[in-house]
């Protein structure tokens, strides 16, 4: 039983990691909920700060999908 729970947790964390990497906007509600939960319980302030940062969408330009070097003359990140 413990193995099933542990494997399930690892699979869930891996899925959350890849979803954050591939579709960060889909994870925003999860990060907002986590930040709210941690703020209400006053637990793990470092994790709460990170969750709040991930919950706010970045001001990335829509044409580059979050690339910071897109406007460079050298072609940026492409």
N, C-alpha and C. Protein backbone atom coordinates (compact mmCIF):
# COMPACT_ATOMS: atom_id res chain seq x y z
N UNK A 1 0.82 -1.19 0.00
CA UNK A 1 0.00 0.00 0.00
C UNK A 1 0.86 1.26 0.00
N UNK A 2 1.93 1.23 0.79
CA UNK A 2 2.82 2.38 0.85
C UNK A 2 3.51 2.60 -0.49
N UNK A 3 3.87 1.53 -1.16
CA UNK A 3 4.52 1.65 -2.46
C UNK A 3 3.60 2.30 -3.48
N UNK A 4 2.34 1.94 -3.45
CA UNK A 4 1.37 2.52 -4.39
C UNK A 4 1.24 4.01 -4.15
N UNK A 5 1.15 4.42 -2.88
CA UNK A 5 1.05 5.84 -2.56
C UNK A 5 2.32 6.59 -2.97
N UNK A 6 3.47 6.00 -2.72
CA UNK A 6 4.73 6.64 -3.07
C UNK A 6 4.88 6.77 -4.59
N UNK A 7 4.58 5.72 -5.32
CA UNK A 7 4.68 5.77 -6.78
C UNK A 7 3.66 6.76 -7.33
N UNK A 8 2.46 6.78 -6.76
CA UNK A 8 1.44 7.75 -7.20
C UNK A 8 1.90 9.19 -6.98
N UNK A 9 2.53 9.45 -5.84
CA UNK A 9 3.06 10.79 -5.56
C UNK A 9 4.16 11.17 -6.53
N UNK A 10 5.06 10.25 -6.82
CA UNK A 10 6.14 10.53 -7.77
C UNK A 10 5.57 10.81 -9.17
N UNK A 11 4.61 10.02 -9.59
CA UNK A 11 3.99 10.23 -10.91
C UNK A 11 3.28 11.58 -10.95
N UNK A 12 2.57 11.93 -9.88
CA UNK A 12 1.88 13.22 -9.81
C UNK A 12 2.87 14.38 -9.87
N UNK A 13 3.98 14.27 -9.15
CA UNK A 13 4.99 15.34 -9.18
C UNK A 13 5.64 15.45 -10.56
N UNK A 14 5.89 14.33 -11.20
CA UNK A 14 6.47 14.37 -12.56
C UNK A 14 5.49 14.99 -13.55
N UNK A 15 4.23 14.64 -13.44
CA UNK A 15 3.22 15.21 -14.33
C UNK A 15 3.10 16.72 -14.10
N UNK A 16 3.12 17.16 -12.85
CA UNK A 16 3.05 18.58 -12.55
C UNK A 16 4.29 19.32 -13.08
N UNK A 17 5.45 18.70 -12.96
CA UNK A 17 6.67 19.31 -13.47
C UNK A 17 6.58 19.53 -14.98
N UNK A 18 6.21 18.48 -15.72
CA UNK A 18 6.16 18.61 -17.17
C UNK A 18 5.02 19.51 -17.64
N UNK A 19 3.92 19.51 -16.92
CA UNK A 19 2.84 20.43 -17.28
C UNK A 19 3.28 21.87 -17.06
N UNK A 20 4.03 22.12 -15.99
CA UNK A 20 4.56 23.47 -15.75
C UNK A 20 5.53 23.88 -16.85
N UNK A 21 6.34 22.94 -17.33
CA UNK A 21 7.31 23.25 -18.38
C UNK A 21 6.63 23.45 -19.74
N UNK A 22 5.60 22.66 -20.04
CA UNK A 22 4.98 22.70 -21.36
C UNK A 22 3.80 23.68 -21.45
N UNK A 23 3.04 23.83 -20.39
CA UNK A 23 1.87 24.71 -20.40
C UNK A 23 1.75 25.43 -19.05
N UNK A 24 2.59 26.43 -18.81
CA UNK A 24 2.59 27.08 -17.50
C UNK A 24 1.27 27.76 -17.16
N UNK A 25 0.53 28.21 -18.16
CA UNK A 25 -0.74 28.88 -17.85
C UNK A 25 -1.77 27.90 -17.30
N UNK A 26 -1.63 26.63 -17.59
CA UNK A 26 -2.56 25.63 -17.06
C UNK A 26 -2.30 25.37 -15.57
N UNK A 27 -1.12 25.70 -15.11
CA UNK A 27 -0.76 25.44 -13.71
C UNK A 27 -1.03 26.64 -12.79
N UNK A 28 -1.41 27.79 -13.35
CA UNK A 28 -1.62 28.99 -12.54
C UNK A 28 -2.66 28.77 -11.45
N UNK A 29 -3.82 28.15 -11.73
CA UNK A 29 -4.78 27.93 -10.63
C UNK A 29 -4.22 27.06 -9.50
N UNK A 30 -3.42 26.07 -9.84
CA UNK A 30 -2.81 25.23 -8.81
C UNK A 30 -1.86 26.04 -7.94
N UNK A 31 -1.03 26.88 -8.56
CA UNK A 31 -0.08 27.68 -7.78
C UNK A 31 -0.82 28.69 -6.92
N UNK A 32 -1.92 29.28 -7.43
CA UNK A 32 -2.71 30.22 -6.62
C UNK A 32 -3.31 29.52 -5.41
N UNK A 33 -3.84 28.33 -5.62
CA UNK A 33 -4.44 27.58 -4.51
C UNK A 33 -3.37 27.21 -3.47
N UNK A 34 -2.21 26.78 -3.93
CA UNK A 34 -1.13 26.43 -3.02
C UNK A 34 -0.65 27.65 -2.24
N UNK A 35 -0.50 28.79 -2.92
CA UNK A 35 -0.07 30.00 -2.23
C UNK A 35 -1.10 30.44 -1.20
N UNK A 36 -2.38 30.34 -1.54
CA UNK A 36 -3.43 30.70 -0.58
C UNK A 36 -3.45 29.78 0.62
N UNK A 37 -3.27 28.49 0.39
CA UNK A 37 -3.23 27.52 1.47
C UNK A 37 -2.05 27.77 2.39
N UNK A 38 -0.89 28.03 1.81
CA UNK A 38 0.30 28.28 2.62
C UNK A 38 0.21 29.61 3.36
N UNK A 39 -0.44 30.61 2.76
CA UNK A 39 -0.63 31.90 3.44
C UNK A 39 -1.59 31.74 4.62
N UNK A 40 -2.62 30.92 4.45
CA UNK A 40 -3.59 30.72 5.52
C UNK A 40 -2.99 29.95 6.69
N UNK A 41 -2.10 29.03 6.41
CA UNK A 41 -1.51 28.22 7.47
C UNK A 41 -0.21 28.80 8.02
N UNK A 42 0.31 29.83 7.37
CA UNK A 42 1.57 30.45 7.77
C UNK A 42 2.72 29.45 7.78
N UNK A 43 2.68 28.49 6.87
CA UNK A 43 3.71 27.46 6.80
C UNK A 43 4.56 27.66 5.56
N UNK A 44 5.81 27.29 5.66
CA UNK A 44 6.77 27.30 4.55
C UNK A 44 6.73 28.61 3.76
N UNK A 45 7.23 29.72 4.32
CA UNK A 45 7.16 31.01 3.62
C UNK A 45 7.96 31.03 2.32
N UNK A 46 9.02 30.27 2.23
CA UNK A 46 9.80 30.23 0.98
C UNK A 46 9.02 29.59 -0.15
N UNK A 47 8.34 28.50 0.15
CA UNK A 47 7.51 27.84 -0.85
C UNK A 47 6.33 28.71 -1.22
N UNK A 48 5.77 29.43 -0.25
CA UNK A 48 4.64 30.33 -0.54
C UNK A 48 5.08 31.44 -1.49
N UNK A 49 6.26 31.99 -1.27
CA UNK A 49 6.78 33.05 -2.15
C UNK A 49 6.96 32.52 -3.57
N UNK A 50 7.51 31.33 -3.70
CA UNK A 50 7.70 30.74 -5.02
C UNK A 50 6.36 30.46 -5.69
N UNK A 51 5.40 29.95 -4.93
CA UNK A 51 4.07 29.68 -5.49
C UNK A 51 3.39 30.97 -5.93
N UNK A 52 3.54 32.05 -5.16
CA UNK A 52 2.97 33.34 -5.56
C UNK A 52 3.61 33.85 -6.84
N UNK A 53 4.92 33.65 -6.97
CA UNK A 53 5.62 34.09 -8.18
C UNK A 53 5.16 33.30 -9.40
N UNK A 54 4.97 31.99 -9.22
CA UNK A 54 4.51 31.16 -10.33
C UNK A 54 3.03 31.39 -10.65
N UNK A 55 2.27 31.89 -9.68
CA UNK A 55 0.83 32.11 -9.89
C UNK A 55 0.55 33.38 -10.67
N UNK A 56 1.51 34.30 -10.70
CA UNK A 56 1.29 35.53 -11.45
C UNK A 56 1.90 35.37 -12.83
N UNK A 57 1.11 35.57 -13.87
CA UNK A 57 1.64 35.40 -15.22
C UNK A 57 2.72 36.44 -15.52
N UNK A 58 3.75 36.01 -16.18
CA UNK A 58 4.84 36.92 -16.51
C UNK A 58 4.44 37.80 -17.68
N UNK A 59 5.09 38.91 -17.80
CA UNK A 59 4.79 39.84 -18.88
C UNK A 59 5.57 39.52 -20.14
N UNK A 60 5.66 38.26 -20.46
CA UNK A 60 6.42 37.84 -21.64
C UNK A 60 5.69 38.24 -22.91
N UNK A 61 6.46 38.52 -23.92
CA UNK A 61 5.85 38.87 -25.20
C UNK A 61 5.19 37.63 -25.78
N UNK A 62 4.01 37.76 -26.39
CA UNK A 62 3.31 36.58 -26.88
C UNK A 62 3.96 35.92 -28.08
N UNK A 63 4.78 36.65 -28.81
CA UNK A 63 5.36 36.10 -30.02
C UNK A 63 6.48 35.11 -29.78
N UNK A 64 7.11 35.19 -28.62
CA UNK A 64 8.26 34.33 -28.37
C UNK A 64 8.01 33.29 -27.30
N UNK A 65 6.87 33.29 -26.68
CA UNK A 65 6.57 32.29 -25.69
C UNK A 65 7.44 32.36 -24.46
N UNK A 66 7.83 33.55 -24.05
CA UNK A 66 8.59 33.70 -22.83
C UNK A 66 10.08 33.87 -23.02
N UNK A 67 10.55 33.96 -24.24
CA UNK A 67 11.97 34.14 -24.48
C UNK A 67 12.37 35.56 -24.12
N UNK A 68 13.45 35.72 -23.36
CA UNK A 68 13.88 37.04 -22.95
C UNK A 68 14.82 37.69 -23.98
N UNK A 69 15.45 36.91 -24.82
CA UNK A 69 16.41 37.46 -25.77
C UNK A 69 15.86 37.58 -27.18
N UNK A 70 14.56 37.70 -27.32
CA UNK A 70 13.92 37.69 -28.63
C UNK A 70 14.20 38.94 -29.45
N UNK A 71 14.37 40.05 -28.76
CA UNK A 71 14.51 41.32 -29.48
C UNK A 71 15.95 41.61 -29.89
N UNK A 72 16.85 40.71 -29.60
CA UNK A 72 18.24 40.92 -29.97
C UNK A 72 18.40 40.84 -31.48
N UNK A 73 19.40 41.52 -31.99
CA UNK A 73 19.69 41.49 -33.44
C UNK A 73 20.20 40.13 -33.89
N UNK A 74 20.74 39.36 -32.94
CA UNK A 74 21.34 38.08 -33.30
C UNK A 74 20.31 36.96 -33.45
N UNK A 75 19.03 37.28 -33.35
CA UNK A 75 18.01 36.26 -33.52
C UNK A 75 17.42 35.76 -32.23
N UNK A 76 17.98 36.18 -31.10
CA UNK A 76 17.41 35.80 -29.81
C UNK A 76 17.53 34.32 -29.54
N UNK A 77 16.46 33.74 -29.08
CA UNK A 77 16.51 32.35 -28.65
C UNK A 77 16.08 31.39 -29.75
N UNK A 78 15.83 31.86 -30.91
CA UNK A 78 15.33 30.97 -31.97
C UNK A 78 16.47 30.35 -32.71
